């Protein structure tokens, strides 16, 4: 087998390297939930998965609605996504994780 063939096998067997992370969330504008994320697409993504999760946690705590009715600026479904917008499993458990889930918010029907 030549090197080129070996490299094809290696490429097929390896997980794609992620090129950065963003914190994805939905924010309440007073009438509906609007999808949003940071940093903006034109900005450099977060390079550390651990940092992205910590930012997501802090952002969720700072914007969590504590009472009904939910007010403008409150957020739901805060989680980390990769450079392609796919949800990233939490590094500590390798399981999905999200903060401020809509079903858990005050006054939410699910």
PDB file of N, CA and C in Angstrom:
ATOM      1  N   UNK A   1       0.859  -1.168   0.000  1.00  0.00           N
ATOM      2  CA  UNK A   1       0.000   0.000   0.000  1.00  0.00           C
ATOM      3  C   UNK A   1       0.909   1.237   0.000  1.00  0.00           C
ATOM      4  N   UNK A   2       0.540   2.187  -0.811  1.00  0.00           N
ATOM      5  CA  UNK A   2       1.352   3.397  -0.821  1.00  0.00           C
ATOM      6  C   UNK A   2       0.832   4.397   0.220  1.00  0.00           C
ATOM      7  N   UNK A   3       1.584   5.458   0.451  1.00  0.00           N
ATOM      8  CA  UNK A   3       1.265   6.444   1.473  1.00  0.00           C
ATOM      9  C   UNK A   3      -0.080   7.119   1.210  1.00  0.00           C
ATOM     10  N   UNK A   4      -0.371   7.422  -0.028  1.00  0.00           N
ATOM     11  CA  UNK A   4      -1.633   8.085  -0.368  1.00  0.00           C
ATOM     12  C   UNK A   4      -2.826   7.212   0.047  1.00  0.00           C
ATOM     13  N   UNK A   5      -2.766   5.915  -0.219  1.00  0.00           N
ATOM     14  CA  UNK A   5      -3.837   4.998   0.162  1.00  0.00           C
ATOM     15  C   UNK A   5      -3.971   4.921   1.690  1.00  0.00           C
ATOM     16  N   UNK A   6      -2.840   4.870   2.365  1.00  0.00           N
ATOM     17  CA  UNK A   6      -2.856   4.817   3.827  1.00  0.00           C
ATOM     18  C   UNK A   6      -3.495   6.077   4.404  1.00  0.00           C
ATOM     19  N   UNK A   7      -3.160   7.225   3.842  1.00  0.00           N
ATOM     20  CA  UNK A   7      -3.718   8.492   4.326  1.00  0.00           C
ATOM     21  C   UNK A   7      -5.227   8.549   4.114  1.00  0.00           C
ATOM     22  N   UNK A   8      -5.732   7.966   3.051  1.00  0.00           N
ATOM     23  CA  UNK A   8      -7.179   7.925   2.824  1.00  0.00           C
ATOM     24  C   UNK A   8      -7.875   7.119   3.924  1.00  0.00           C
ATOM     25  N   UNK A   9      -7.283   5.985   4.310  1.00  0.00           N
ATOM     26  CA  UNK A   9      -7.844   5.181   5.392  1.00  0.00           C
ATOM     27  C   UNK A   9      -7.824   5.954   6.706  1.00  0.00           C
ATOM     28  N   UNK A  10      -6.722   6.631   6.951  1.00  0.00           N
ATOM     29  CA  UNK A  10      -6.600   7.407   8.184  1.00  0.00           C
ATOM     30  C   UNK A  10      -7.640   8.519   8.218  1.00  0.00           C
ATOM     31  N   UNK A  11      -7.795   9.247   7.107  1.00  0.00           N
ATOM     32  CA  UNK A  11      -8.762  10.345   7.047  1.00  0.00           C
ATOM     33  C   UNK A  11     -10.186   9.860   7.265  1.00  0.00           C
ATOM     34  N   UNK A  12     -10.514   8.691   6.757  1.00  0.00           N
ATOM     35  CA  UNK A  12     -11.862   8.148   6.914  1.00  0.00           C
ATOM     36  C   UNK A  12     -12.142   7.741   8.351  1.00  0.00           C
ATOM     37  N   UNK A  13     -11.128   7.325   9.059  1.00  0.00           N
ATOM     38  CA  UNK A  13     -11.316   6.823  10.416  1.00  0.00           C
ATOM     39  C   UNK A  13     -11.240   7.867  11.509  1.00  0.00           C
ATOM     40  N   UNK A  14     -10.800   9.066  11.177  1.00  0.00           N
ATOM     41  CA  UNK A  14     -10.631  10.093  12.193  1.00  0.00           C
ATOM     42  C   UNK A  14     -11.818  11.034  12.229  1.00  0.00           C
ATOM     43  N   UNK A  15     -12.107  11.496  13.408  1.00  0.00           N
ATOM     44  CA  UNK A  15     -13.157  12.489  13.585  1.00  0.00           C
ATOM     45  C   UNK A  15     -12.664  13.827  13.035  1.00  0.00           C
ATOM     46  N   UNK A  16     -13.555  14.565  12.391  1.00  0.00           N
ATOM     47  CA  UNK A  16     -13.209  15.875  11.838  1.00  0.00           C
ATOM     48  C   UNK A  16     -12.783  16.827  12.959  1.00  0.00           C
ATOM     49  N   UNK A  17     -11.698  17.518  12.740  1.00  0.00           N
ATOM     50  CA  UNK A  17     -11.207  18.490  13.727  1.00  0.00           C
ATOM     51  C   UNK A  17     -12.104  19.730  13.691  1.00  0.00           C
ATOM     52  N   UNK A  18     -12.601  20.122  14.848  1.00  0.00           N
ATOM     53  CA  UNK A  18     -13.464  21.292  14.934  1.00  0.00           C
ATOM     54  C   UNK A  18     -12.627  22.566  14.832  1.00  0.00           C
ATOM     55  N   UNK A  19     -13.163  23.557  14.150  1.00  0.00           N
ATOM     56  CA  UNK A  19     -12.403  24.778  13.883  1.00  0.00           C
ATOM     57  C   UNK A  19     -12.827  25.948  14.755  1.00  0.00           C
ATOM     58  N   UNK A  20     -13.581  25.678  15.793  1.00  0.00           N
ATOM     59  CA  UNK A  20     -14.001  26.745  16.688  1.00  0.00           C
ATOM     60  C   UNK A  20     -15.399  26.483  17.211  1.00  0.00           C
ATOM     61  N   UNK A  21     -15.806  27.309  18.168  1.00  0.00           N
ATOM     62  CA  UNK A  21     -17.084  27.094  18.845  1.00  0.00           C
ATOM     63  C   UNK A  21     -17.822  28.414  18.989  1.00  0.00           C
ATOM     64  N   UNK A  22     -19.143  28.312  19.083  1.00  0.00           N
ATOM     65  CA  UNK A  22     -20.006  29.456  19.342  1.00  0.00           C
ATOM     66  C   UNK A  22     -21.047  29.034  20.375  1.00  0.00           C
ATOM     67  N   UNK A  23     -21.559  30.003  21.103  1.00  0.00           N
ATOM     68  CA  UNK A  23     -22.637  29.745  22.049  1.00  0.00           C
ATOM     69  C   UNK A  23     -23.943  30.086  21.338  1.00  0.00           C
ATOM     70  N   UNK A  24     -24.818  29.103  21.210  1.00  0.00           N
ATOM     71  CA  UNK A  24     -26.100  29.276  20.535  1.00  0.00           C
ATOM     72  C   UNK A  24     -27.198  29.378  21.596  1.00  0.00           C
ATOM     73  N   UNK A  25     -28.199  30.204  21.335  1.00  0.00           N
ATOM     74  CA  UNK A  25     -29.292  30.382  22.283  1.00  0.00           C
ATOM     75  C   UNK A  25     -30.493  30.977  21.568  1.00  0.00           C
ATOM     76  N   UNK A  26     -31.603  31.020  22.261  1.00  0.00           N
ATOM     77  CA  UNK A  26     -32.784  31.724  21.790  1.00  0.00           C
ATOM     78  C   UNK A  26     -33.074  32.821  22.792  1.00  0.00           C
ATOM     79  N   UNK A  27     -33.355  34.021  22.303  1.00  0.00           N
ATOM     80  CA  UNK A  27     -33.651  35.128  23.214  1.00  0.00           C
ATOM     81  C   UNK A  27     -35.085  35.609  22.974  1.00  0.00           C
ATOM     82  N   UNK A  28     -35.719  35.990  24.050  1.00  0.00           N
ATOM     83  CA  UNK A  28     -37.094  36.462  23.997  1.00  0.00           C
ATOM     84  C   UNK A  28     -37.093  37.947  23.664  1.00  0.00           C
ATOM     85  N   UNK A  29     -37.803  38.344  22.595  1.00  0.00           N
ATOM     86  CA  UNK A  29     -37.827  39.759  22.201  1.00  0.00           C
ATOM     87  C   UNK A  29     -39.100  40.460  22.664  1.00  0.00           C
ATOM     88  N   UNK A  30     -39.889  39.765  23.460  1.00  0.00           N
ATOM     89  CA  UNK A  30     -41.142  40.342  23.944  1.00  0.00           C
ATOM     90  C   UNK A  30     -42.359  39.697  23.313  1.00  0.00           C
ATOM     91  N   UNK A  31     -42.171  39.093  22.123  1.00  0.00           N
ATOM     92  CA  UNK A  31     -43.290  38.431  21.443  1.00  0.00           C
ATOM     93  C   UNK A  31     -42.958  37.020  20.970  1.00  0.00           C
ATOM     94  N   UNK A  32     -41.675  36.754  20.725  1.00  0.00           N
ATOM     95  CA  UNK A  32     -41.283  35.434  20.218  1.00  0.00           C
ATOM     96  C   UNK A  32     -39.827  35.137  20.541  1.00  0.00           C
ATOM     97  N   UNK A  33     -39.457  33.850  20.410  1.00  0.00           N
ATOM     98  CA  UNK A  33     -38.071  33.420  20.607  1.00  0.00           C
ATOM     99  C   UNK A  33     -37.306  33.607  19.308  1.00  0.00           C
ATOM    100  N   UNK A  34     -36.166  34.287  19.376  1.00  0.00           N
ATOM    101  CA  UNK A  34     -35.320  34.565  18.216  1.00  0.00           C
ATOM    102  C   UNK A  34     -34.007  33.800  18.371  1.00  0.00           C
ATOM    103  N   UNK A  35     -33.635  32.937  17.392  1.00  0.00           N
ATOM    104  CA  UNK A  35     -32.341  32.250  17.477  1.00  0.00           C
ATOM    105  C   UNK A  35     -31.191  33.248  17.355  1.00  0.00           C
ATOM    106  N   UNK A  36     -30.156  33.033  18.133  1.00  0.00           N
ATOM    107  CA  UNK A  36     -28.996  33.934  18.107  1.00  0.00           C
ATOM    108  C   UNK A  36     -27.781  33.160  18.604  1.00  0.00           C
ATOM    109  N   UNK A  37     -26.611  33.757  18.486  1.00  0.00           N
ATOM    110  CA  UNK A  37     -25.388  33.137  18.984  1.00  0.00           C
ATOM    111  C   UNK A  37     -24.288  34.185  19.103  1.00  0.00           C
ATOM    112  N   UNK A  38     -23.258  33.816  19.835  1.00  0.00           N
ATOM    113  CA  UNK A  38     -22.067  34.665  19.882  1.00  0.00           C
ATOM    114  C   UNK A  38     -20.848  33.772  19.912  1.00  0.00           C
ATOM    115  N   UNK A  39     -19.724  34.231  19.405  1.00  0.00           N
ATOM    116  CA  UNK A  39     -19.522  35.457  18.639  1.00  0.00           C
ATOM    117  C   UNK A  39     -20.258  35.416  17.295  1.00  0.00           C
ATOM    118  N   UNK A  40     -20.418  36.590  16.699  1.00  0.00           N
ATOM    119  CA  UNK A  40     -21.071  36.704  15.392  1.00  0.00           C
ATOM    120  C   UNK A  40     -20.300  35.918  14.337  1.00  0.00           C
ATOM    121  N   UNK A  41     -21.001  35.513  13.262  1.00  0.00           N
ATOM    122  CA  UNK A  41     -20.329  34.728  12.210  1.00  0.00           C
ATOM    123  C   UNK A  41     -19.098  35.408  11.613  1.00  0.00           C
ATOM    124  N   UNK A  42     -19.088  36.708  11.534  1.00  0.00           N
ATOM    125  CA  UNK A  42     -17.940  37.413  10.980  1.00  0.00           C
ATOM    126  C   UNK A  42     -16.765  37.530  11.940  1.00  0.00           C
ATOM    127  N   UNK A  43     -17.005  37.196  13.202  1.00  0.00           N
ATOM    128  CA  UNK A  43     -15.963  37.285  14.224  1.00  0.00           C
ATOM    129  C   UNK A  43     -15.248  35.955  14.387  1.00  0.00           C
ATOM    130  N   UNK A  44     -14.073  36.022  14.979  1.00  0.00           N
ATOM    131  CA  UNK A  44     -13.300  34.815  15.250  1.00  0.00           C
ATOM    132  C   UNK A  44     -14.051  33.950  16.261  1.00  0.00           C
ATOM    133  N   UNK A  45     -14.187  32.643  16.014  1.00  0.00           N
ATOM    134  CA  UNK A  45     -14.892  31.783  16.963  1.00  0.00           C
ATOM    135  C   UNK A  45     -14.060  31.560  18.233  1.00  0.00           C
ATOM    136  N   UNK A  46     -14.711  31.018  19.241  1.00  0.00           N
ATOM    137  CA  UNK A  46     -14.040  30.654  20.486  1.00  0.00           C
ATOM    138  C   UNK A  46     -13.187  29.427  20.182  1.00  0.00           C
ATOM    139  N   UNK A  47     -11.925  29.440  20.543  1.00  0.00           N
ATOM    140  CA  UNK A  47     -11.023  28.347  20.168  1.00  0.00           C
ATOM    141  C   UNK A  47     -11.020  27.193  21.161  1.00  0.00           C
ATOM    142  N   UNK A  48     -11.418  27.440  22.388  1.00  0.00           N
ATOM    143  CA  UNK A  48     -11.388  26.408  23.421  1.00  0.00           C
ATOM    144  C   UNK A  48     -12.795  25.894  23.718  1.00  0.00           C
ATOM    145  N   UNK A  49     -12.962  24.587  23.650  1.00  0.00           N
ATOM    146  CA  UNK A  49     -14.257  23.985  23.972  1.00  0.00           C
ATOM    147  C   UNK A  49     -14.630  24.247  25.433  1.00  0.00           C
ATOM    148  N   UNK A  50     -13.663  24.130  26.317  1.00  0.00           N
ATOM    149  CA  UNK A  50     -13.913  24.364  27.743  1.00  0.00           C
ATOM    150  C   UNK A  50     -14.350  25.813  27.969  1.00  0.00           C
ATOM    151  N   UNK A  51     -13.682  26.750  27.334  1.00  0.00           N
ATOM    152  CA  UNK A  51     -14.053  28.168  27.467  1.00  0.00           C
ATOM    153  C   UNK A  51     -15.449  28.421  26.915  1.00  0.00           C
ATOM    154  N   UNK A  52     -15.783  27.794  25.807  1.00  0.00           N
ATOM    155  CA  UNK A  52     -17.111  27.973  25.211  1.00  0.00           C
ATOM    156  C   UNK A  52     -18.196  27.506  26.177  1.00  0.00           C
ATOM    157  N   UNK A  53     -17.989  26.344  26.819  1.00  0.00           N
ATOM    158  CA  UNK A  53     -18.981  25.839  27.769  1.00  0.00           C
ATOM    159  C   UNK A  53     -19.082  26.735  28.996  1.00  0.00           C
ATOM    160  N   UNK A  54     -17.970  27.257  29.461  1.00  0.00           N
ATOM    161  CA  UNK A  54     -18.006  28.144  30.626  1.00  0.00           C
ATOM    162  C   UNK A  54     -18.727  29.450  30.284  1.00  0.00           C
ATOM    163  N   UNK A  55     -18.472  29.995  29.095  1.00  0.00           N
ATOM    164  CA  UNK A  55     -19.189  31.200  28.658  1.00  0.00           C
ATOM    165  C   UNK A  55     -20.682  30.927  28.537  1.00  0.00           C
ATOM    166  N   UNK A  56     -21.040  29.758  28.004  1.00  0.00           N
ATOM    167  CA  UNK A  56     -22.454  29.387  27.866  1.00  0.00           C
ATOM    168  C   UNK A  56     -23.119  29.328  29.245  1.00  0.00           C
ATOM    169  N   UNK A  57     -22.440  28.721  30.212  1.00  0.00           N
ATOM    170  CA  UNK A  57     -22.994  28.596  31.560  1.00  0.00           C
ATOM    171  C   UNK A  57     -23.209  29.970  32.197  1.00  0.00           C
ATOM    172  N   UNK A  58     -22.198  30.815  32.109  1.00  0.00           N
ATOM    173  CA  UNK A  58     -22.294  32.148  32.711  1.00  0.00           C
ATOM    174  C   UNK A  58     -23.357  33.002  32.030  1.00  0.00           C
ATOM    175  N   UNK A  59     -23.403  32.935  30.692  1.00  0.00           N
ATOM    176  CA  UNK A  59     -24.402  33.684  29.937  1.00  0.00           C
ATOM    177  C   UNK A  59     -25.809  33.225  30.312  1.00  0.00           C
ATOM    178  N   UNK A  60     -26.004  31.911  30.421  1.00  0.00           N
ATOM    179  CA  UNK A  60     -27.312  31.371  30.789  1.00  0.00           C
ATOM    180  C   UNK A  60     -27.729  31.848  32.180  1.00  0.00           C
ATOM    181  N   UNK A  61     -26.797  31.847  33.118  1.00  0.00           N
ATOM    182  CA  UNK A  61     -27.123  32.310  34.470  1.00  0.00           C
ATOM    183  C   UNK A  61     -27.497  33.791  34.481  1.00  0.00           C
ATOM    184  N   UNK A  62     -26.788  34.584  33.692  1.00  0.00           N
ATOM    185  CA  UNK A  62     -27.023  36.026  33.673  1.00  0.00           C
ATOM    186  C   UNK A  62     -28.326  36.400  32.968  1.00  0.00           C
ATOM    187  N   UNK A  63     -28.845  35.531  32.113  1.00  0.00           N
ATOM    188  CA  UNK A  63     -30.023  35.863  31.309  1.00  0.00           C
ATOM    189  C   UNK A  63     -31.212  34.952  31.591  1.00  0.00           C
ATOM    190  N   UNK A  64     -31.105  34.116  32.617  1.00  0.00           N
ATOM    191  CA  UNK A  64     -32.188  33.178  32.935  1.00  0.00           C
ATOM    192  C   UNK A  64     -33.406  33.913  33.479  1.00  0.00           C
ATOM    193  N   UNK A  65     -34.573  33.607  32.934  1.00  0.00           N
ATOM    194  CA  UNK A  65     -35.788  34.208  33.506  1.00  0.00           C
ATOM    195  C   UNK A  65     -36.102  33.553  34.850  1.00  0.00           C
ATOM    196  N   UNK A  66     -36.297  34.365  35.877  1.00  0.00           N
ATOM    197  CA  UNK A  66     -36.557  33.833  37.206  1.00  0.00           C
ATOM    198  C   UNK A  66     -38.043  33.830  37.558  1.00  0.00           C
ATOM    199  N   UNK A  67     -38.837  34.504  36.762  1.00  0.00           N
ATOM    200  CA  UNK A  67     -40.255  34.554  37.074  1.00  0.00           C
ATOM    201  C   UNK A  67     -41.077  34.676  35.802  1.00  0.00           C
ATOM    202  N   UNK A  68     -42.353  34.388  35.930  1.00  0.00           N
ATOM    203  CA  UNK A  68     -43.294  34.521  34.829  1.00  0.00           C
ATOM    204  C   UNK A  68     -43.890  35.918  34.925  1.00  0.00           C
ATOM    205  N   UNK A  69     -44.049  36.692  33.913  1.00  0.00           N
ATOM    206  CA  UNK A  69     -43.759  36.348  32.522  1.00  0.00           C
ATOM    207  C   UNK A  69     -42.289  36.541  32.174  1.00  0.00           C
ATOM    208  N   UNK A  70     -41.868  35.829  31.166  1.00  0.00           N
ATOM    209  CA  UNK A  70     -40.503  35.953  30.655  1.00  0.00           C
ATOM    210  C   UNK A  70     -40.376  37.329  30.007  1.00  0.00           C
ATOM    211  N   UNK A  71     -39.253  37.995  30.257  1.00  0.00           N
ATOM    212  CA  UNK A  71     -39.076  39.348  29.748  1.00  0.00           C
ATOM    213  C   UNK A  71     -38.076  39.420  28.610  1.00  0.00           C
ATOM    214  N   UNK A  72     -38.094  40.533  27.869  1.00  0.00           N
ATOM    215  CA  UNK A  72     -37.118  40.725  26.793  1.00  0.00           C
ATOM    216  C   UNK A  72     -35.695  40.589  27.331  1.00  0.00           C
ATOM    217  N   UNK A  73     -34.857  39.925  26.583  1.00  0.00           N
ATOM    218  CA  UNK A  73     -33.472  39.713  26.985  1.00  0.00           C
ATOM    219  C   UNK A  73     -33.245  38.391  27.684  1.00  0.00           C
ATOM    220  N   UNK A  74     -34.317  37.727  28.119  1.00  0.00           N
ATOM    221  CA  UNK A  74     -34.159  36.402  28.710  1.00  0.00           C
ATOM    222  C   UNK A  74     -33.831  35.405  27.607  1.00  0.00           C
ATOM    223  N   UNK A  75     -33.153  34.321  27.986  1.00  0.00           N
ATOM    224  CA  UNK A  75     -32.722  33.334  27.000  1.00  0.00           C
ATOM    225  C   UNK A  75     -33.223  31.944  27.342  1.00  0.00           C
ATOM    226  N   UNK A  76     -33.187  31.090  26.328  1.00  0.00           N
ATOM    227  CA  UNK A  76     -33.548  29.679  26.492  1.00  0.00           C
ATOM    228  C   UNK A  76     -32.653  28.849  25.589  1.00  0.00           C
ATOM    229  N   UNK A  77     -32.543  27.570  25.933  1.00  0.00           N
ATOM    230  CA  UNK A  77     -31.822  26.596  25.096  1.00  0.00           C
ATOM    231  C   UNK A  77     -30.398  27.035  24.759  1.00  0.00           C
ATOM    232  N   UNK A  78     -29.660  27.434  25.774  1.00  0.00           N
ATOM    233  CA  UNK A  78     -28.271  27.867  25.602  1.00  0.00           C
ATOM    234  C   UNK A  78     -27.382  26.619  25.516  1.00  0.00           C
ATOM    235  N   UNK A  79     -26.592  26.532  24.451  1.00  0.00           N
ATOM    236  CA  UNK A  79     -25.682  25.398  24.277  1.00  0.00           C
ATOM    237  C   UNK A  79     -24.535  25.784  23.350  1.00  0.00           C
ATOM    238  N   UNK A  80     -23.555  24.915  23.231  1.00  0.00           N
ATOM    239  CA  UNK A  80     -22.376  25.173  22.401  1.00  0.00           C
ATOM    240  C   UNK A  80     -22.530  24.450  21.065  1.00  0.00           C
ATOM    241  N   UNK A  81     -22.148  25.146  19.981  1.00  0.00           N
ATOM    242  CA  UNK A  81     -22.153  24.544  18.654  1.00  0.00           C
ATOM    243  C   UNK A  81     -20.752  24.642  18.053  1.00  0.00           C
ATOM    244  N   UNK A  82     -20.483  23.775  17.067  1.00  0.00           N
ATOM    245  CA  UNK A  82     -19.176  23.800  16.400  1.00  0.00           C
ATOM    246  C   UNK A  82     -19.175  24.796  15.246  1.00  0.00           C
ATOM    247  N   UNK A  83     -18.114  24.797  14.470  1.00  0.00           N
ATOM    248  CA  UNK A  83     -17.964  25.741  13.367  1.00  0.00           C
ATOM    249  C   UNK A  83     -19.001  25.545  12.270  1.00  0.00           C
ATOM    250  N   UNK A  84     -19.663  24.389  12.223  1.00  0.00           N
ATOM    251  CA  UNK A  84     -20.710  24.132  11.232  1.00  0.00           C
ATOM    252  C   UNK A  84     -22.113  24.323  11.814  1.00  0.00           C
ATOM    253  N   UNK A  85     -22.196  24.694  13.092  1.00  0.00           N
ATOM    254  CA  UNK A  85     -23.482  24.910  13.727  1.00  0.00           C
ATOM    255  C   UNK A  85     -24.097  23.671  14.353  1.00  0.00           C
ATOM    256  N   UNK A  86     -23.335  22.589  14.436  1.00  0.00           N
ATOM    257  CA  UNK A  86     -23.830  21.356  15.048  1.00  0.00           C
ATOM    258  C   UNK A  86     -23.620  21.396  16.561  1.00  0.00           C
ATOM    259  N   UNK A  87     -24.613  20.923  17.334  1.00  0.00           N
ATOM    260  CA  UNK A  87     -24.437  20.899  18.797  1.00  0.00           C
ATOM    261  C   UNK A  87     -23.209  20.075  19.195  1.00  0.00           C
ATOM    262  N   UNK A  88     -22.498  20.558  20.200  1.00  0.00           N
ATOM    263  CA  UNK A  88     -21.299  19.892  20.708  1.00  0.00           C
ATOM    264  C   UNK A  88     -21.654  19.205  22.020  1.00  0.00           C
ATOM    265  N   UNK A  89     -21.248  17.959  22.168  1.00  0.00           N
ATOM    266  CA  UNK A  89     -21.463  17.241  23.415  1.00  0.00           C
ATOM    267  C   UNK A  89     -20.588  17.866  24.501  1.00  0.00           C
ATOM    268  N   UNK A  90     -21.092  17.890  25.731  1.00  0.00           N
ATOM    269  CA  UNK A  90     -20.336  18.462  26.840  1.00  0.00           C
ATOM    270  C   UNK A  90     -19.070  17.642  27.073  1.00  0.00           C
ATOM    271  N   UNK A  91     -17.941  18.302  27.187  1.00  0.00           N
ATOM    272  CA  UNK A  91     -16.643  17.624  27.284  1.00  0.00           C
ATOM    273  C   UNK A  91     -16.509  16.748  28.521  1.00  0.00           C
ATOM    274  N   UNK A  92     -17.222  17.079  29.590  1.00  0.00           N
ATOM    275  CA  UNK A  92     -17.077  16.343  30.843  1.00  0.00           C
ATOM    276  C   UNK A  92     -17.843  15.030  30.882  1.00  0.00           C
ATOM    277  N   UNK A  93     -18.910  14.942  30.081  1.00  0.00           N
ATOM    278  CA  UNK A  93     -19.746  13.741  30.126  1.00  0.00           C
ATOM    279  C   UNK A  93     -19.935  13.093  28.759  1.00  0.00           C
ATOM    280  N   UNK A  94     -19.547  13.785  27.716  1.00  0.00           N
ATOM    281  CA  UNK A  94     -19.779  13.336  26.330  1.00  0.00           C
ATOM    282  C   UNK A  94     -21.257  13.094  26.075  1.00  0.00           C
ATOM    283  N   UNK A  95     -22.084  13.925  26.692  1.00  0.00           N
ATOM    284  CA  UNK A  95     -23.533  13.860  26.530  1.00  0.00           C
ATOM    285  C   UNK A  95     -24.044  15.261  26.196  1.00  0.00           C
ATOM    286  N   UNK A  96     -25.221  15.352  25.586  1.00  0.00           N
ATOM    287  CA  UNK A  96     -25.785  16.679  25.303  1.00  0.00           C
ATOM    288  C   UNK A  96     -26.010  17.457  26.596  1.00  0.00           C
ATOM    289  N   UNK A  97     -25.819  18.755  26.535  1.00  0.00           N
ATOM    290  CA  UNK A  97     -26.043  19.620  27.682  1.00  0.00           C
ATOM    291  C   UNK A  97     -26.590  20.943  27.178  1.00  0.00           C
ATOM    292  N   UNK A  98     -27.542  21.473  27.875  1.00  0.00           N
ATOM    293  CA  UNK A  98     -28.095  22.776  27.542  1.00  0.00           C
ATOM    294  C   UNK A  98     -28.521  23.475  28.819  1.00  0.00           C
ATOM    295  N   UNK A  99     -28.561  24.780  28.773  1.00  0.00           N
ATOM    296  CA  UNK A  99     -28.962  25.583  29.924  1.00  0.00           C
ATOM    297  C   UNK A  99     -30.236  26.346  29.582  1.00  0.00           C
ATOM    298  N   UNK A 100     -31.031  26.670  30.584  1.00  0.00           N
ATOM    299  CA  UNK A 100     -32.273  27.433  30.416  1.00  0.00           C
ATOM    300  C   UNK A 100     -33.204  26.756  29.411  1.00  0.00           C
ATOM    301  N   UNK A 101     -33.386  25.466  29.541  1.00  0.00           N
ATOM    302  CA  UNK A 101     -34.271  24.758  28.610  1.00  0.00           C
ATOM    303  C   UNK A 101     -35.683  25.327  28.712  1.00  0.00           C
ATOM    304  N   UNK A 102     -36.309  25.538  27.559  1.00  0.00           N
ATOM    305  CA  UNK A 102     -37.637  26.155  27.541  1.00  0.00           C
ATOM    306  C   UNK A 102     -38.622  25.430  28.446  1.00  0.00           C
ATOM    307  N   UNK A 103     -38.575  24.121  28.444  1.00  0.00           N
ATOM    308  CA  UNK A 103     -39.546  23.342  29.227  1.00  0.00           C
ATOM    309  C   UNK A 103     -39.393  23.588  30.728  1.00  0.00           C
ATOM    310  N   UNK A 104     -38.221  24.073  31.175  1.00  0.00           N
ATOM    311  CA  UNK A 104     -37.968  24.314  32.583  1.00  0.00           C
ATOM    312  C   UNK A 104     -38.190  25.756  33.021  1.00  0.00           C
ATOM    313  N   UNK A 105     -38.551  26.633  32.081  1.00  0.00           N
ATOM    314  CA  UNK A 105     -38.690  28.047  32.414  1.00  0.00           C
ATOM    315  C   UNK A 105     -40.018  28.335  33.080  1.00  0.00           C
ATOM    316  N   UNK A 106     -40.084  29.394  33.912  1.00  0.00           N
ATOM    317  CA  UNK A 106     -41.339  29.759  34.572  1.00  0.00           C
ATOM    318  C   UNK A 106     -42.436  30.021  33.554  1.00  0.00           C
ATOM    319  N   UNK A 107     -43.609  29.459  33.797  1.00  0.00           N
ATOM    320  CA  UNK A 107     -44.751  29.701  32.932  1.00  0.00           C
ATOM    321  C   UNK A 107     -44.716  28.957  31.613  1.00  0.00           C
ATOM    322  N   UNK A 108     -43.755  28.062  31.459  1.00  0.00           N
ATOM    323  CA  UNK A 108     -43.615  27.355  30.186  1.00  0.00           C
ATOM    324  C   UNK A 108     -44.482  26.111  30.167  1.00  0.00           C
ATOM    325  N   UNK A 109     -45.079  25.868  29.011  1.00  0.00           N
ATOM    326  CA  UNK A 109     -45.889  24.657  28.830  1.00  0.00           C
ATOM    327  C   UNK A 109     -45.062  23.537  28.252  1.00  0.00           C
ATOM    328  N   UNK A 110     -43.795  23.802  27.905  1.00  0.00           N
ATOM    329  CA  UNK A 110     -42.940  22.728  27.399  1.00  0.00           C
ATOM    330  C   UNK A 110     -42.250  23.007  26.160  1.00  0.00           C
TER     331      UNK A 110
END
